Amino acid sequence: MDMLSQDNASSPLPERARTVVAAAARLGLTLDVHTTTQTTRTAEEAALVHGVAVGAIVKSLIFEGAETGKPYLFLVSGQNRVNETGVTAILGEGLKRPNAARVRELTGFAIGGIPPFGHATDIATYIDQDLMAFDVVWAAAGTPFANFPIAPKDLVQALKAPLIAVT
């Protein structure tokens, strides 16, 4: 259960979450951001806080192309890990994990609070098809203490990102 909903007027959204709300609006989405007193840095923590299955948590994972350095964002079900070999076949190049500083440079957000949109740079985005098994999923809203619920079909439509198998 949420510890504190953003509907509480005495608790304004953190600046990073306001950035995410503005980016969502540009995509035609209206977000109901929930702030919490407990961290939601991991999928397991977020699932516990919001009372949902781990699979209903969206992990925003940043990789870079091993050959090109091109950034990639994978929106992954909390229960899954990215099979780098399988995804390499889709992308046509290998993947490498950037360090935390590079992730912040690319996205504008720290690991544990990376949202699905509103990044500092354009990032090719792919969505885990397993998220479609849920009516509603929860994604980070710019900090490890802010999340929002969204229908996965709305996320796909707004981002115009391909659905792929990541496992």
Protein backbone atom coordinates (compact mmCIF):
# COMPACT_ATOMS: atom_id res chain seq x y z
CA MET A 1 0.00 0.00 0.00
CA ASP A 2 1.22 3.51 -0.76
CA MET A 3 2.65 5.35 2.20
CA LEU A 4 1.72 8.77 0.82
CA SER A 5 -0.20 9.66 -2.31
CA GLN A 6 0.64 12.81 -4.27
CA ASP A 7 -2.99 13.85 -3.90
CA ASN A 8 -1.88 15.16 -0.50
CA ALA A 9 -1.51 18.89 -1.24
CA SER A 10 0.88 19.38 1.69
CA SER A 11 3.44 17.20 -0.07
CA PRO A 12 4.51 18.73 -3.39
CA LEU A 13 6.17 16.52 -5.96
CA PRO A 14 9.97 16.42 -6.02
CA GLU A 15 11.54 18.35 -8.89
CA ARG A 16 12.58 15.19 -10.77
CA ALA A 17 9.01 13.85 -10.56
CA ARG A 18 7.66 17.16 -11.92
CA THR A 19 10.03 16.69 -14.89
CA VAL A 20 8.48 13.26 -15.51
CA VAL A 21 4.93 14.62 -15.23
CA ALA A 22 5.76 17.34 -17.80
CA ALA A 23 7.31 14.76 -20.17
CA ALA A 24 4.21 12.59 -19.80
CA ALA A 25 1.97 15.52 -20.68
CA ARG A 26 3.97 16.07 -23.88
CA LEU A 27 3.22 12.43 -24.73
CA GLY A 28 -0.50 12.91 -24.03
CA LEU A 29 -0.41 11.11 -20.68
CA THR A 30 -1.72 12.29 -17.32
CA LEU A 31 0.11 10.72 -14.39
CA ASP A 32 -1.06 9.98 -10.87
CA VAL A 33 2.32 10.09 -9.14
CA HIS A 34 2.51 8.45 -5.73
CA THR A 35 5.29 9.48 -3.38
CA THR A 36 6.34 7.19 -0.57
CA THR A 37 8.42 7.32 2.57
CA GLN A 38 9.89 3.93 1.68
CA THR A 39 12.36 3.42 -1.15
CA THR A 40 11.20 1.80 -4.37
CA ARG A 41 14.72 1.58 -5.83
CA THR A 42 14.33 -2.13 -6.67
CA ALA A 43 11.43 -3.98 -8.26
CA GLU A 44 10.98 -5.97 -5.07
CA GLU A 45 10.79 -2.82 -2.93
CA ALA A 46 8.34 -1.17 -5.33
CA ALA A 47 6.12 -4.26 -5.44
CA LEU A 48 5.99 -4.37 -1.64
CA VAL A 49 5.20 -0.65 -1.31
CA HIS A 50 2.45 -0.72 -3.97
CA GLY A 51 1.04 -4.14 -3.07
CA VAL A 52 1.50 -5.66 -6.53
CA ALA A 53 3.36 -8.58 -8.07
CA VAL A 54 7.05 -7.98 -8.85
CA GLY A 55 6.23 -8.57 -12.52
CA ALA A 56 3.97 -5.49 -12.50
CA ILE A 57 6.93 -3.21 -11.76
CA VAL A 58 8.66 -1.58 -14.74
CA LYS A 59 12.44 -1.69 -14.49
CA SER A 60 14.05 1.01 -16.67
CA LEU A 61 17.40 -0.49 -17.68
CA ILE A 62 19.99 1.46 -19.65
CA PHE A 63 22.54 -0.23 -21.89
CA GLU A 64 24.87 1.02 -24.60
CA GLY A 65 25.74 -0.62 -27.87
CA ALA A 66 29.12 -2.33 -27.56
CA GLU A 67 30.16 -1.18 -31.03
CA THR A 68 28.30 2.12 -31.49
CA GLY A 69 27.88 3.40 -27.93
CA LYS A 70 24.23 4.10 -28.82
CA PRO A 71 22.05 4.21 -25.69
CA TYR A 72 19.21 1.75 -25.30
CA LEU A 73 16.41 1.75 -22.73
CA PHE A 74 14.67 -1.51 -21.91
CA LEU A 75 11.43 -1.27 -19.95
CA VAL A 76 11.44 -4.67 -18.33
CA SER A 77 9.00 -6.56 -16.14
CA GLY A 78 10.34 -6.64 -12.58
CA GLN A 79 10.45 -10.43 -12.65
CA ASN A 80 12.71 -10.55 -15.74
CA ARG A 81 16.36 -10.03 -16.57
CA VAL A 82 17.56 -8.89 -19.98
CA ASN A 83 19.02 -11.79 -21.95
CA GLU A 84 21.80 -9.79 -23.58
CA THR A 85 22.52 -12.48 -26.17
CA GLY A 86 18.89 -12.62 -27.28
CA VAL A 87 18.53 -8.85 -27.39
CA THR A 88 21.78 -8.58 -29.36
CA ALA A 89 20.10 -10.54 -32.15
CA ILE A 90 17.30 -7.94 -32.23
CA LEU A 91 19.58 -4.89 -32.10
CA GLY A 92 22.34 -6.17 -34.35
CA GLU A 93 25.07 -5.29 -31.84
CA GLY A 94 26.23 -6.38 -28.43
CA LEU A 95 25.40 -4.53 -25.24
CA LYS A 96 27.45 -3.11 -22.42
CA ARG A 97 26.28 -1.66 -19.13
CA PRO A 98 27.23 1.97 -18.53
CA ASN A 99 28.31 3.08 -15.06
CA ALA A 100 26.00 5.10 -12.80
CA ALA A 101 27.49 8.43 -13.86
CA ARG A 102 26.93 7.63 -17.54
CA VAL A 103 23.34 6.52 -16.84
CA ARG A 104 22.67 9.85 -15.11
CA GLU A 105 24.29 11.71 -18.03
CA LEU A 106 22.09 9.90 -20.57
CA THR A 107 18.83 10.03 -18.64
CA GLY A 108 19.12 12.91 -16.19
CA PHE A 109 18.08 10.51 -13.43
CA ALA A 110 19.84 8.31 -10.89
CA ILE A 111 19.57 4.53 -11.01
CA GLY A 112 16.55 3.47 -8.94
CA GLY A 113 14.40 6.36 -10.14
CA ILE A 114 14.73 6.23 -13.95
CA PRO A 115 11.34 6.82 -15.59
CA PRO A 116 10.24 5.40 -18.95
CA PHE A 117 10.39 8.88 -20.58
CA GLY A 118 11.59 12.42 -19.99
CA HIS A 119 15.28 11.67 -20.41
CA ALA A 120 18.08 14.16 -21.04
CA THR A 121 18.90 12.51 -24.40
CA ASP A 122 16.98 10.56 -27.01
CA ILE A 123 17.21 6.87 -26.18
CA ALA A 124 16.00 3.99 -28.35
CA THR A 125 13.37 2.27 -26.22
CA TYR A 126 12.13 -1.33 -26.18
CA ILE A 127 9.36 -2.73 -24.00
CA ASP A 128 9.29 -6.20 -22.48
CA GLN A 129 6.28 -8.02 -23.89
CA ASP A 130 5.71 -9.66 -20.47
CA LEU A 131 4.46 -6.31 -19.12
CA MET A 132 1.38 -6.75 -21.31
CA ALA A 133 0.16 -9.52 -18.98
CA PHE A 134 -0.83 -6.83 -16.45
CA ASP A 135 -3.72 -4.36 -16.60
CA VAL A 136 -1.62 -1.83 -14.68
CA VAL A 137 2.12 -1.58 -14.09
CA TRP A 138 4.11 0.76 -11.87
CA ALA A 139 7.06 2.81 -13.13
CA ALA A 140 9.55 5.15 -11.48
CA ALA A 141 8.74 8.85 -11.59
CA GLY A 142 12.23 10.28 -11.35
CA THR A 143 13.20 9.35 -7.78
CA PRO A 144 13.37 6.15 -5.72
CA PHE A 145 10.43 7.52 -3.71
CA ALA A 146 8.00 8.33 -6.54
CA ASN A 147 6.11 5.99 -8.87
CA PHE A 148 3.08 6.05 -11.09
CA PRO A 149 0.60 3.43 -12.29
CA ILE A 150 -0.04 3.10 -16.01
CA ALA A 151 -1.70 0.63 -18.36
CA PRO A 152 1.13 -1.01 -20.31
CA LYS A 153 -0.79 -0.52 -23.57
CA ASP A 154 -0.79 3.25 -22.87
CA LEU A 155 2.96 3.15 -22.33
CA VAL A 156 3.49 1.32 -25.63
CA GLN A 157 1.20 3.73 -27.48
CA ALA A 158 2.76 6.88 -26.01
CA LEU A 159 6.35 5.77 -26.57
CA LYS A 160 5.72 4.04 -29.90
CA ALA A 161 8.29 1.52 -28.71
CA PRO A 162 8.46 -2.05 -30.00
CA LEU A 163 7.48 -4.94 -27.78
CA ILE A 164 10.22 -7.57 -27.55
CA ALA A 165 11.06 -10.71 -25.61
CA VAL A 166 13.87 -9.76 -23.24
CA THR A 167 14.35 -13.13 -21.53
